[in-house]
Amino acid sequence: MDNDYLPEFCVKPVLILGCGNILFGDDGFGPAVVRHLYEHYTIPRNVCLIDAGTGVRNILFTLALSEKRPEEIIIIDAVDKGLQPGELFEISIDDIPFEKADDFSMHQAPTSNLLKEMKERCNVTVRVLACQVAAIPEEMHSGLSGPLERAVPLLSYKISAEYFNPCPGGE
């Protein structure tokens, strides 16, 4: 298959997906990290960085059907694991909490299963980088809480240190 016809996220070795709904407070953490990375860092050619919002499942289905996939997929999201608000941590795809099924499609069984298939059968490294939410509102309310606002540049720096070089004057 000619790679010219594949989406960029299929052909680049590293795919970073910021997941979450910006209309529900701290759930918008993933998109906020992606925005911060674009604003403060130079994204290298081998990295595809996407604000997936709530549409990550569509991207993963495309990857599952593609003959070409990234070598590594990094998911960025906010979850509730009962830790300190704003605390950053990495979770296994086997430990993705089910309680966020409605607002983060990664947590729904079909999407989690797609990630597990890519990891186990397609030899794709899958990482979930998460931040502990302070709260996710019941009704629409945009904007992150203070602890998550402060965590955005911290996770951005960690990602840049692992996957690309900061811009001159970046963080």
N, C-alpha and C. Protein backbone atom coordinates (compact mmCIF):
# COMPACT_ATOMS: atom_id res chain seq x y z
N MET A 1 0.84 -1.18 0.00
CA MET A 1 0.00 0.00 0.00
C MET A 1 0.89 1.24 0.00
N ASP A 2 0.50 2.24 -0.76
CA ASP A 2 1.25 3.49 -0.85
C ASP A 2 0.96 4.34 0.39
N ASN A 3 2.01 4.71 1.14
CA ASN A 3 1.84 5.50 2.36
C ASN A 3 1.29 6.89 2.11
N ASP A 4 1.32 7.37 0.84
CA ASP A 4 0.79 8.70 0.53
C ASP A 4 -0.71 8.79 0.78
N TYR A 5 -1.39 7.67 0.81
CA TYR A 5 -2.83 7.66 0.99
C TYR A 5 -3.25 7.38 2.42
N LEU A 6 -2.30 7.15 3.29
CA LEU A 6 -2.61 6.88 4.69
C LEU A 6 -2.59 8.17 5.49
N PRO A 7 -3.42 8.26 6.53
CA PRO A 7 -3.35 9.44 7.40
C PRO A 7 -1.98 9.52 8.08
N GLU A 8 -1.59 10.72 8.40
CA GLU A 8 -0.29 10.96 9.04
C GLU A 8 -0.12 10.11 10.30
N PHE A 9 -1.20 9.91 11.06
CA PHE A 9 -1.08 9.17 12.32
C PHE A 9 -0.79 7.69 12.11
N CYS A 10 -0.96 7.19 10.91
CA CYS A 10 -0.63 5.79 10.62
C CYS A 10 0.85 5.61 10.28
N VAL A 11 1.45 6.60 9.69
CA VAL A 11 2.79 6.43 9.14
C VAL A 11 3.93 6.97 10.02
N LYS A 12 3.63 7.81 10.97
CA LYS A 12 4.69 8.33 11.83
C LYS A 12 4.96 7.32 12.96
N PRO A 13 6.22 7.19 13.37
CA PRO A 13 6.57 6.19 14.38
C PRO A 13 5.95 6.42 15.76
N VAL A 14 5.70 7.69 16.11
CA VAL A 14 5.15 8.02 17.43
C VAL A 14 3.84 8.78 17.24
N LEU A 15 2.81 8.30 17.92
CA LEU A 15 1.49 8.96 17.89
C LEU A 15 1.13 9.33 19.32
N ILE A 16 0.91 10.63 19.54
CA ILE A 16 0.51 11.13 20.86
C ILE A 16 -0.90 11.68 20.73
N LEU A 17 -1.82 11.13 21.54
CA LEU A 17 -3.23 11.50 21.49
C LEU A 17 -3.67 12.13 22.80
N GLY A 18 -4.09 13.39 22.74
CA GLY A 18 -4.67 14.06 23.90
C GLY A 18 -6.16 13.81 23.90
N CYS A 19 -6.65 13.08 24.90
CA CYS A 19 -8.05 12.68 24.95
C CYS A 19 -8.80 13.41 26.04
N GLY A 20 -10.06 13.70 25.79
CA GLY A 20 -10.90 14.32 26.80
C GLY A 20 -11.81 15.38 26.21
N ASN A 21 -12.78 15.75 26.99
CA ASN A 21 -13.79 16.71 26.57
C ASN A 21 -13.53 18.06 27.23
N ILE A 22 -13.14 19.05 26.46
CA ILE A 22 -12.80 20.36 27.00
C ILE A 22 -14.01 21.08 27.61
N LEU A 23 -15.19 20.59 27.35
CA LEU A 23 -16.41 21.21 27.90
C LEU A 23 -16.74 20.70 29.30
N PHE A 24 -15.92 19.78 29.83
CA PHE A 24 -16.19 19.20 31.14
C PHE A 24 -14.97 19.32 32.05
N GLY A 25 -14.56 20.56 32.28
CA GLY A 25 -13.52 20.86 33.27
C GLY A 25 -12.25 20.07 33.08
N ASP A 26 -11.87 19.35 34.15
CA ASP A 26 -10.61 18.63 34.16
C ASP A 26 -10.51 17.53 33.10
N ASP A 27 -11.62 17.13 32.53
CA ASP A 27 -11.57 16.12 31.48
C ASP A 27 -10.85 16.66 30.24
N GLY A 28 -10.70 17.96 30.14
CA GLY A 28 -10.00 18.57 29.01
C GLY A 28 -8.49 18.59 29.16
N PHE A 29 -7.94 17.84 30.11
CA PHE A 29 -6.51 17.82 30.35
C PHE A 29 -5.71 17.37 29.13
N GLY A 30 -6.10 16.28 28.50
CA GLY A 30 -5.37 15.75 27.33
C GLY A 30 -5.26 16.79 26.22
N PRO A 31 -6.37 17.37 25.79
CA PRO A 31 -6.29 18.43 24.78
C PRO A 31 -5.45 19.63 25.23
N ALA A 32 -5.49 19.97 26.53
CA ALA A 32 -4.69 21.10 27.02
C ALA A 32 -3.19 20.80 26.90
N VAL A 33 -2.79 19.56 27.16
CA VAL A 33 -1.38 19.19 27.02
C VAL A 33 -0.96 19.28 25.55
N VAL A 34 -1.79 18.80 24.65
CA VAL A 34 -1.48 18.87 23.22
C VAL A 34 -1.33 20.33 22.79
N ARG A 35 -2.25 21.17 23.21
CA ARG A 35 -2.18 22.60 22.87
C ARG A 35 -0.88 23.21 23.41
N HIS A 36 -0.52 22.88 24.64
CA HIS A 36 0.70 23.40 25.27
C HIS A 36 1.94 22.93 24.51
N LEU A 37 1.95 21.69 24.10
CA LEU A 37 3.09 21.16 23.33
C LEU A 37 3.24 21.93 22.01
N TYR A 38 2.14 22.14 21.31
CA TYR A 38 2.20 22.90 20.05
C TYR A 38 2.68 24.33 20.27
N GLU A 39 2.28 24.94 21.36
CA GLU A 39 2.62 26.34 21.61
C GLU A 39 4.05 26.54 22.10
N HIS A 40 4.65 25.52 22.74
CA HIS A 40 5.94 25.72 23.40
C HIS A 40 7.08 24.85 22.89
N TYR A 41 6.79 23.93 21.99
CA TYR A 41 7.82 23.00 21.54
C TYR A 41 7.77 22.83 20.03
N THR A 42 8.89 22.42 19.46
CA THR A 42 8.94 22.06 18.06
C THR A 42 8.62 20.57 17.97
N ILE A 43 7.60 20.23 17.22
CA ILE A 43 7.19 18.83 17.09
C ILE A 43 8.06 18.19 16.01
N PRO A 44 8.81 17.15 16.36
CA PRO A 44 9.67 16.52 15.35
C PRO A 44 8.87 15.79 14.27
N ARG A 45 9.52 15.56 13.15
CA ARG A 45 8.85 14.91 12.00
C ARG A 45 8.38 13.49 12.29
N ASN A 46 9.02 12.81 13.24
CA ASN A 46 8.64 11.42 13.52
C ASN A 46 7.47 11.31 14.49
N VAL A 47 6.93 12.44 14.95
CA VAL A 47 5.84 12.45 15.93
C VAL A 47 4.58 13.04 15.30
N CYS A 48 3.47 12.36 15.51
CA CYS A 48 2.15 12.90 15.15
C CYS A 48 1.44 13.21 16.47
N LEU A 49 1.09 14.46 16.66
CA LEU A 49 0.47 14.95 17.88
C LEU A 49 -0.95 15.39 17.55
N ILE A 50 -1.94 14.77 18.21
CA ILE A 50 -3.34 15.04 17.87
C ILE A 50 -4.17 15.31 19.13
N ASP A 51 -4.96 16.38 19.08
CA ASP A 51 -6.02 16.60 20.07
C ASP A 51 -7.17 15.72 19.60
N ALA A 52 -7.30 14.55 20.18
CA ALA A 52 -8.33 13.60 19.76
C ALA A 52 -9.69 13.90 20.39
N GLY A 53 -9.71 14.79 21.37
CA GLY A 53 -10.97 15.11 22.03
C GLY A 53 -11.67 13.84 22.48
N THR A 54 -12.91 13.70 22.05
CA THR A 54 -13.68 12.49 22.39
C THR A 54 -13.73 11.52 21.22
N GLY A 55 -12.94 11.77 20.17
CA GLY A 55 -12.99 10.95 18.97
C GLY A 55 -11.83 9.98 18.81
N VAL A 56 -11.20 9.58 19.89
CA VAL A 56 -10.03 8.70 19.80
C VAL A 56 -10.39 7.34 19.20
N ARG A 57 -11.59 6.88 19.42
CA ARG A 57 -11.97 5.56 18.91
C ARG A 57 -11.88 5.49 17.39
N ASN A 58 -12.28 6.56 16.70
CA ASN A 58 -12.18 6.59 15.23
C ASN A 58 -10.74 6.44 14.77
N ILE A 59 -9.83 7.11 15.46
CA ILE A 59 -8.41 7.01 15.11
C ILE A 59 -7.92 5.59 15.32
N LEU A 60 -8.29 4.99 16.44
CA LEU A 60 -7.84 3.63 16.74
C LEU A 60 -8.42 2.60 15.77
N PHE A 61 -9.67 2.78 15.36
CA PHE A 61 -10.24 1.85 14.36
C PHE A 61 -9.48 1.96 13.04
N THR A 62 -9.15 3.18 12.64
CA THR A 62 -8.37 3.35 11.41
C THR A 62 -7.02 2.65 11.55
N LEU A 63 -6.36 2.82 12.69
CA LEU A 63 -5.08 2.15 12.92
C LEU A 63 -5.21 0.64 12.90
N ALA A 64 -6.28 0.14 13.49
CA ALA A 64 -6.49 -1.31 13.54
C ALA A 64 -6.65 -1.90 12.14
N LEU A 65 -7.23 -1.13 11.23
CA LEU A 65 -7.46 -1.61 9.87
C LEU A 65 -6.29 -1.31 8.92
N SER A 66 -5.38 -0.47 9.36
CA SER A 66 -4.27 -0.06 8.50
C SER A 66 -3.17 -1.12 8.44
N GLU A 67 -2.50 -1.17 7.30
CA GLU A 67 -1.34 -2.05 7.17
C GLU A 67 -0.12 -1.44 7.84
N LYS A 68 -0.14 -0.13 8.06
CA LYS A 68 0.96 0.59 8.69
C LYS A 68 0.44 1.23 9.97
N ARG A 69 1.23 1.12 11.04
CA ARG A 69 0.86 1.70 12.34
C ARG A 69 2.08 2.34 12.97
N PRO A 70 1.85 3.24 13.94
CA PRO A 70 3.00 3.79 14.66
C PRO A 70 3.67 2.68 15.49
N GLU A 71 4.91 2.92 15.86
CA GLU A 71 5.62 2.00 16.74
C GLU A 71 5.17 2.19 18.18
N GLU A 72 4.75 3.42 18.49
CA GLU A 72 4.34 3.74 19.86
C GLU A 72 3.15 4.68 19.85
N ILE A 73 2.19 4.40 20.72
CA ILE A 73 1.01 5.26 20.91
C ILE A 73 1.01 5.71 22.36
N ILE A 74 0.92 7.03 22.56
CA ILE A 74 0.86 7.61 23.89
C ILE A 74 -0.49 8.29 24.04
N ILE A 75 -1.23 7.86 25.03
CA ILE A 75 -2.54 8.43 25.34
C ILE A 75 -2.37 9.37 26.53
N ILE A 76 -2.90 10.58 26.42
CA ILE A 76 -2.85 11.55 27.53
C ILE A 76 -4.29 11.80 27.97
N ASP A 77 -4.55 11.60 29.27
CA ASP A 77 -5.91 11.79 29.76
C ASP A 77 -5.91 12.12 31.24
N ALA A 78 -7.04 12.59 31.72
CA ALA A 78 -7.27 12.81 33.14
C ALA A 78 -8.20 11.71 33.63
N VAL A 79 -7.84 11.11 34.75
CA VAL A 79 -8.66 10.04 35.32
C VAL A 79 -8.78 10.22 36.83
N ASP A 80 -9.71 9.51 37.42
CA ASP A 80 -9.89 9.55 38.86
C ASP A 80 -9.44 8.22 39.45
N LYS A 81 -8.29 8.25 40.07
CA LYS A 81 -7.75 7.06 40.75
C LYS A 81 -7.63 7.31 42.25
N GLY A 82 -8.24 8.39 42.74
CA GLY A 82 -8.23 8.68 44.16
C GLY A 82 -6.91 9.23 44.67
N LEU A 83 -6.08 9.80 43.79
CA LEU A 83 -4.80 10.37 44.18
C LEU A 83 -4.95 11.87 44.43
N GLN A 84 -3.84 12.57 44.63
CA GLN A 84 -3.86 14.02 44.80
C GLN A 84 -4.20 14.68 43.48
N PRO A 85 -5.14 15.64 43.44
CA PRO A 85 -5.44 16.33 42.19
C PRO A 85 -4.17 16.92 41.57
N GLY A 86 -4.01 16.68 40.26
CA GLY A 86 -2.85 17.16 39.54
C GLY A 86 -1.69 16.19 39.53
N GLU A 87 -1.79 15.08 40.28
CA GLU A 87 -0.70 14.10 40.31
C GLU A 87 -0.61 13.37 38.97
N LEU A 88 0.60 13.28 38.44
CA LEU A 88 0.84 12.62 37.16
C LEU A 88 1.27 11.18 37.40
N PHE A 89 0.81 10.28 36.55
CA PHE A 89 1.16 8.87 36.69
C PHE A 89 0.92 8.16 35.37
N GLU A 90 1.49 6.98 35.25
CA GLU A 90 1.28 6.16 34.06
C GLU A 90 0.48 4.94 34.48
N ILE A 91 -0.51 4.57 33.66
CA ILE A 91 -1.29 3.38 33.97
C ILE A 91 -1.21 2.39 32.81
N SER A 92 -1.33 1.15 33.15
CA SER A 92 -1.35 0.10 32.15
C SER A 92 -2.70 0.12 31.44
N ILE A 93 -2.73 -0.25 30.17
CA ILE A 93 -4.02 -0.29 29.48
C ILE A 93 -4.94 -1.33 30.11
N ASP A 94 -4.38 -2.29 30.83
CA ASP A 94 -5.20 -3.27 31.53
C ASP A 94 -5.90 -2.66 32.74
N ASP A 95 -5.39 -1.51 33.23
CA ASP A 95 -5.94 -0.88 34.43
C ASP A 95 -6.77 0.36 34.14
N ILE A 96 -7.17 0.59 32.88
CA ILE A 96 -7.95 1.77 32.55
C ILE A 96 -9.28 1.70 33.30
N PRO A 97 -9.59 2.73 34.09
CA PRO A 97 -10.80 2.69 34.90
C PRO A 97 -12.07 2.73 34.04
N PHE A 98 -13.00 1.88 34.37
CA PHE A 98 -14.24 1.78 33.62
C PHE A 98 -15.18 2.95 33.92
N GLU A 99 -15.03 3.60 35.08
CA GLU A 99 -15.98 4.63 35.49
C GLU A 99 -16.03 5.84 34.58
N LYS A 100 -15.05 6.04 33.69
CA LYS A 100 -15.08 7.17 32.78
C LYS A 100 -15.58 6.78 31.40
N ALA A 101 -16.30 5.69 31.29
CA ALA A 101 -16.71 5.16 29.99
C ALA A 101 -17.47 6.18 29.14
N ASP A 102 -18.26 7.04 29.76
CA ASP A 102 -19.07 7.97 28.99
C ASP A 102 -18.27 9.13 28.41
N ASP A 103 -17.20 9.55 29.10
CA ASP A 103 -16.52 10.74 28.62
C ASP A 103 -15.14 10.48 28.05
N PHE A 104 -14.64 9.30 28.14
CA PHE A 104 -13.34 8.99 27.56
C PHE A 104 -13.44 7.62 26.91
N SER A 105 -13.63 7.61 25.60
CA SER A 105 -13.91 6.36 24.91
C SER A 105 -12.79 5.34 25.03
N MET A 106 -11.59 5.78 25.47
CA MET A 106 -10.51 4.82 25.70
C MET A 106 -10.92 3.82 26.76
N HIS A 107 -11.81 4.23 27.66
CA HIS A 107 -12.17 3.39 28.79
C HIS A 107 -13.27 2.40 28.45
N GLN A 108 -13.82 2.49 27.28
CA GLN A 108 -14.84 1.54 26.90
C GLN A 108 -14.18 0.28 26.37
N ALA A 109 -14.80 -0.84 26.64
CA ALA A 109 -14.20 -2.13 26.30
C ALA A 109 -13.73 -2.24 24.86
N PRO A 110 -14.52 -1.88 23.84
CA PRO A 110 -14.02 -2.06 22.48
C PRO A 110 -12.74 -1.27 22.21
N THR A 111 -12.64 -0.04 22.70
CA THR A 111 -11.46 0.77 22.45
C THR A 111 -10.27 0.24 23.23
N SER A 112 -10.47 -0.12 24.50
CA SER A 112 -9.40 -0.70 25.28
C SER A 112 -8.92 -1.99 24.65
N ASN A 113 -9.84 -2.76 24.13
CA ASN A 113 -9.47 -4.01 23.46
C ASN A 113 -8.65 -3.73 22.20
N LEU A 114 -8.98 -2.68 21.47
CA LEU A 114 -8.18 -2.31 20.29
C LEU A 114 -6.74 -2.00 20.68
N LEU A 115 -6.57 -1.26 21.76
CA LEU A 115 -5.23 -0.95 22.23
C LEU A 115 -4.49 -2.22 22.65
N LYS A 116 -5.17 -3.10 23.33
CA LYS A 116 -4.55 -4.36 23.75
C LYS A 116 -4.15 -5.20 22.55
N GLU A 117 -4.99 -5.22 21.53
CA GLU A 117 -4.67 -5.96 20.30
C GLU A 117 -3.43 -5.37 19.62
N MET A 118 -3.38 -4.05 19.54
CA MET A 118 -2.22 -3.41 18.91
C MET A 118 -0.95 -3.71 19.69
N LYS A 119 -1.07 -3.71 21.00
CA LYS A 119 0.09 -3.98 21.84
C LYS A 119 0.53 -5.44 21.69
N GLU A 120 -0.41 -6.35 21.79
CA GLU A 120 -0.06 -7.78 21.83
C GLU A 120 0.16 -8.40 20.46
N ARG A 121 -0.64 -8.05 19.48
CA ARG A 121 -0.56 -8.71 18.18
C ARG A 121 0.19 -7.91 17.11
N CYS A 122 0.23 -6.60 17.29
CA CYS A 122 0.87 -5.76 16.27
C CYS A 122 2.20 -5.19 16.75
N ASN A 123 2.57 -5.53 17.98
CA ASN A 123 3.85 -5.10 18.54
C ASN A 123 3.98 -3.58 18.62
N VAL A 124 2.88 -2.89 18.96
CA VAL A 124 2.88 -1.45 19.15
C VAL A 124 3.00 -1.19 20.65
N THR A 125 3.93 -0.33 21.04
CA THR A 125 4.04 0.06 22.44
C THR A 125 2.91 1.03 22.74
N VAL A 126 2.17 0.78 23.83
CA VAL A 126 1.05 1.64 24.21
C VAL A 126 1.28 2.13 25.63
N ARG A 127 1.24 3.47 25.79
CA ARG A 127 1.39 4.08 27.11
C ARG A 127 0.19 4.98 27.37
N VAL A 128 -0.26 5.00 28.62
CA VAL A 128 -1.30 5.92 29.04
C VAL A 128 -0.70 6.80 30.12
N LEU A 129 -0.53 8.08 29.80
CA LEU A 129 -0.01 9.07 30.74
C LEU A 129 -1.21 9.85 31.26
N ALA A 130 -1.40 9.80 32.58
CA ALA A 130 -2.63 10.32 33.16
C ALA A 130 -2.34 11.35 34.25
N CYS A 131 -3.38 12.11 34.53
CA CYS A 131 -3.35 13.10 35.60
C CYS A 131 -4.60 12.90 36.45
N GLN A 132 -4.43 12.94 37.75
CA GLN A 132 -5.55 12.80 38.68
C GLN A 132 -6.43 14.05 38.61
N VAL A 133 -7.72 13.86 38.34
CA VAL A 133 -8.66 14.98 38.28
C VAL A 133 -8.93 15.52 39.68
N ALA A 134 -9.27 16.81 39.75
CA ALA A 134 -9.80 17.38 40.99
C ALA A 134 -11.29 17.06 41.00
N ALA A 135 -11.94 17.32 39.86
CA ALA A 135 -13.37 17.01 39.71
C ALA A 135 -13.75 17.16 38.24
N ILE A 136 -14.72 16.37 37.84
CA ILE A 136 -15.31 16.53 36.51
C ILE A 136 -16.76 16.91 36.74
N PRO A 137 -17.16 18.09 36.25
CA PRO A 137 -18.51 18.56 36.55
C PRO A 137 -19.59 17.71 35.87
N GLU A 138 -20.75 17.72 36.49
CA GLU A 138 -21.91 17.01 35.93
C GLU A 138 -22.46 17.74 34.71
N GLU A 139 -22.36 19.09 34.74
CA GLU A 139 -22.84 19.91 33.63
C GLU A 139 -21.65 20.56 32.95
N MET A 140 -21.86 21.04 31.74
CA MET A 140 -20.77 21.66 30.99
C MET A 140 -20.16 22.82 31.76
N HIS A 141 -18.83 22.77 31.82
CA HIS A 141 -18.06 23.83 32.47
C HIS A 141 -16.63 23.70 31.96
N SER A 142 -16.22 24.62 31.10
CA SER A 142 -14.88 24.53 30.52
C SER A 142 -13.84 25.07 31.49
N GLY A 143 -12.62 24.71 31.26
CA GLY A 143 -11.50 25.19 32.07
C GLY A 143 -11.05 24.16 33.09
N LEU A 144 -9.74 24.03 33.21
CA LEU A 144 -9.16 23.08 34.15
C LEU A 144 -9.09 23.67 35.54
N SER A 145 -9.09 22.81 36.55
CA SER A 145 -8.87 23.24 37.92
C SER A 145 -7.40 23.67 38.06
N GLY A 146 -7.09 24.39 39.12
CA GLY A 146 -5.73 24.85 39.36
C GLY A 146 -4.69 23.74 39.33
N PRO A 147 -4.93 22.62 40.05
CA PRO A 147 -3.92 21.55 40.05
C PRO A 147 -3.65 20.98 38.65
N LEU A 148 -4.68 20.88 37.82
CA LEU A 148 -4.47 20.34 36.48
C LEU A 148 -3.83 21.38 35.56
N GLU A 149 -4.18 22.66 35.74
CA GLU A 149 -3.50 23.73 34.99
C GLU A 149 -2.00 23.67 35.24
N ARG A 150 -1.62 23.46 36.50
CA ARG A 150 -0.19 23.40 36.85
C ARG A 150 0.46 22.11 36.32
N ALA A 151 -0.32 21.06 36.15
CA ALA A 151 0.23 19.78 35.67
C ALA A 151 0.47 19.79 34.16
N VAL A 152 -0.23 20.64 33.41
CA VAL A 152 -0.09 20.67 31.95
C VAL A 152 1.36 20.90 31.53
N PRO A 153 2.04 21.96 32.00
CA PRO A 153 3.43 22.15 31.57
C PRO A 153 4.37 21.06 32.09
N LEU A 154 4.05 20.47 33.22
CA LEU A 154 4.90 19.40 33.76
C LEU A 154 4.87 18.17 32.87
N LEU A 155 3.67 17.75 32.47
CA LEU A 155 3.58 16.59 31.59
C LEU A 155 4.12 16.93 30.20
N SER A 156 3.88 18.15 29.74
CA SER A 156 4.42 18.57 28.45
C SER A 156 5.93 18.46 28.43
N TYR A 157 6.56 18.92 29.50
CA TYR A 157 8.02 18.84 29.58
C TYR A 157 8.49 17.39 29.58
N LYS A 158 7.79 16.54 30.35
CA LYS A 158 8.16 15.12 30.40
C LYS A 158 8.06 14.48 29.00
N ILE A 159 7.00 14.78 28.30
CA ILE A 159 6.81 14.23 26.94
C ILE A 159 7.90 14.76 26.01
N SER A 160 8.17 16.07 26.09
CA SER A 160 9.20 16.63 25.21
C SER A 160 10.56 16.03 25.50
N ALA A 161 10.88 15.79 26.75
CA ALA A 161 12.17 15.22 27.11
C ALA A 161 12.31 13.79 26.57
N GLU A 162 11.22 13.07 26.51
CA GLU A 162 11.26 11.69 26.03
C GLU A 162 11.14 11.58 24.51
N TYR A 163 10.39 12.48 23.89
CA TYR A 163 10.05 12.28 22.48
C TYR A 163 10.55 13.36 21.52
N PHE A 164 10.89 14.56 22.01
CA PHE A 164 11.40 15.59 21.11
C PHE A 164 12.11 16.69 21.89
N ASN A 165 12.78 17.55 21.14
CA ASN A 165 13.56 18.63 21.75
C ASN A 165 12.72 19.88 21.87
N PRO A 166 12.86 20.60 23.00
CA PRO A 166 12.12 21.85 23.17
C PRO A 166 12.57 22.93 22.19
N CYS A 167 11.65 23.83 21.88
CA CYS A 167 11.98 25.00 21.06
C CYS A 167 12.95 25.88 21.82
N PRO A 168 13.74 26.65 21.11
CA PRO A 168 14.50 27.69 21.82
C PRO A 168 13.51 28.61 22.52
N GLY A 169 13.73 28.87 23.77
CA GLY A 169 12.82 29.71 24.56
C GLY A 169 11.63 28.93 25.08
N GLY A 170 11.50 27.64 24.74
CA GLY A 170 10.42 26.81 25.27
C GLY A 170 10.76 26.41 26.69
N GLU A 171 9.91 25.60 27.28
CA GLU A 171 10.12 25.22 28.69
C GLU A 171 11.12 24.12 28.84
